[in-house]
Amino acid sequence: EGLWEHHAPTTPGGLRGVLCRLLETARVKPCFGVRVDGVVVRGEEVHVKGTARKSCANADVGTTVSQFSEFLEVYDCVVFCIPAPDVLEIKGLQKYLSSESLHVLKKR
């Protein structure tokens, strides 16, 4: 709510405008087709472990086939867009949620 209260008076388009402005300012590079299995913060670094989908062309059948590979990357900032129930499955992420959020998610 603090984010909304801070930016809402100066950003047209509601919450969508706020989020678009933040993404533009941060020069975020969205990464889709990624499953995050664990998060560890060490100092100012965020270590993320998971599996990423890489598409490749299958010339024999003329279709696209997805291949998956594990990764371990280090970032200075990470933004997760995760369906709510799945948050509890990611190791290390629960400690960054408020107690109210955890309570609601665990009741599902």
Protein backbone atom coordinates (compact mmCIF):
# COMPACT_ATOMS: atom_id res chain seq x y z
CA GLU A 1 0.00 0.00 0.00
CA GLY A 2 2.88 2.40 0.67
CA LEU A 3 3.95 2.13 -2.97
CA TRP A 4 0.45 2.97 -4.13
CA GLU A 5 0.07 5.89 -1.72
CA HIS A 6 3.44 7.32 -2.75
CA HIS A 7 2.98 7.16 -6.53
CA ALA A 8 -0.80 7.29 -7.11
CA PRO A 9 -1.23 11.08 -6.95
CA THR A 10 1.39 11.64 -9.69
CA THR A 11 0.82 8.64 -11.97
CA PRO A 12 -2.06 8.49 -14.46
CA GLY A 13 -3.55 5.08 -15.21
CA GLY A 14 -3.90 3.79 -11.65
CA LEU A 15 -1.81 0.90 -10.32
CA ARG A 16 -1.00 -0.23 -13.88
CA GLY A 17 0.62 3.17 -14.48
CA VAL A 18 2.62 2.87 -11.26
CA LEU A 19 3.93 -0.58 -12.19
CA CYS A 20 4.72 0.41 -15.78
CA ARG A 21 6.65 3.45 -14.52
CA LEU A 22 8.65 1.30 -12.09
CA LEU A 23 9.49 -1.26 -14.78
CA GLU A 24 10.57 1.49 -17.17
CA THR A 25 12.73 3.23 -14.59
CA ALA A 26 14.38 0.00 -13.46
CA ARG A 27 14.97 -1.20 -17.05
CA VAL A 28 13.59 -4.59 -16.11
CA LYS A 29 14.13 -7.50 -18.49
CA PRO A 30 11.17 -9.86 -17.94
CA CYS A 31 11.99 -13.55 -18.04
CA PHE A 32 9.10 -15.90 -18.78
CA GLY A 33 9.11 -19.69 -18.67
CA VAL A 34 11.14 -19.79 -15.47
CA ARG A 35 10.41 -21.92 -12.41
CA VAL A 36 12.17 -20.65 -9.28
CA ASP A 37 13.00 -23.34 -6.73
CA GLY A 38 14.97 -21.33 -4.20
CA VAL A 39 16.09 -17.84 -3.23
CA VAL A 40 18.98 -16.89 -0.93
CA VAL A 41 20.04 -13.33 -0.11
CA ARG A 42 23.74 -12.92 0.65
CA GLY A 43 24.62 -9.36 1.51
CA GLU A 44 23.29 -7.30 -1.37
CA GLU A 45 23.15 -10.22 -3.82
CA VAL A 46 20.09 -12.35 -4.56
CA HIS A 47 20.97 -15.93 -5.55
CA VAL A 48 18.17 -17.59 -7.54
CA LYS A 49 18.07 -21.30 -8.40
CA GLY A 50 15.55 -22.83 -10.74
CA THR A 51 14.72 -24.17 -14.18
CA ALA A 52 14.33 -22.10 -17.35
CA ARG A 53 12.62 -23.00 -20.59
CA LYS A 54 14.57 -22.43 -23.79
CA SER A 55 12.71 -22.77 -27.08
CA CYS A 56 14.36 -24.26 -30.11
CA ALA A 57 13.19 -25.00 -33.62
CA ASN A 58 12.55 -28.62 -34.52
CA ALA A 59 13.30 -28.68 -38.25
CA ASP A 60 12.09 -32.27 -38.71
CA VAL A 61 8.48 -31.54 -37.80
CA GLY A 62 8.35 -27.80 -38.26
CA THR A 63 7.27 -27.14 -34.67
CA THR A 64 8.84 -25.51 -31.65
CA VAL A 65 10.06 -27.74 -28.84
CA SER A 66 10.74 -26.50 -25.33
CA GLN A 67 13.88 -27.60 -23.57
CA PHE A 68 14.50 -27.00 -19.89
CA SER A 69 17.78 -26.38 -18.12
CA GLU A 70 18.68 -25.67 -14.51
CA PHE A 71 20.25 -22.36 -13.60
CA LEU A 72 21.81 -20.55 -10.66
CA GLU A 73 22.06 -16.80 -11.17
CA VAL A 74 23.03 -13.84 -9.00
CA TYR A 75 21.12 -10.53 -9.19
CA ASP A 76 21.13 -7.25 -7.29
CA CYS A 77 17.32 -7.11 -7.37
CA VAL A 78 14.59 -9.62 -8.22
CA VAL A 79 10.86 -9.09 -8.79
CA PHE A 80 8.71 -12.22 -8.66
CA CYS A 81 5.29 -12.49 -10.32
CA ILE A 82 4.00 -15.75 -8.88
CA PRO A 83 0.49 -17.16 -8.53
CA ALA A 84 -0.22 -16.82 -4.81
CA PRO A 85 -0.46 -20.52 -3.84
CA ASP A 86 2.89 -21.28 -5.50
CA VAL A 87 4.80 -18.82 -3.29
CA LEU A 88 4.89 -21.28 -0.40
CA GLU A 89 6.73 -23.85 -2.54
CA ILE A 90 9.77 -21.62 -3.19
CA LYS A 91 12.52 -22.22 -0.63
CA GLY A 92 13.65 -19.05 1.12
CA LEU A 93 10.87 -16.78 -0.13
CA GLN A 94 8.47 -17.12 2.81
CA LYS A 95 10.64 -15.06 5.13
CA TYR A 96 10.08 -12.01 2.90
CA LEU A 97 6.30 -12.18 3.22
CA SER A 98 4.32 -10.44 5.92
CA SER A 99 2.78 -12.61 8.63
CA GLU A 100 -0.68 -11.63 7.35
CA SER A 101 0.20 -12.78 3.81
CA LEU A 102 1.56 -16.07 5.12
CA HIS A 103 -1.56 -16.66 7.18
CA VAL A 104 -3.84 -16.12 4.17
CA LEU A 105 -1.72 -18.30 1.87
CA LYS A 106 -1.49 -21.17 4.35
CA LYS A 107 -5.29 -21.24 4.79
CA ARG A 108 -5.84 -22.00 1.07
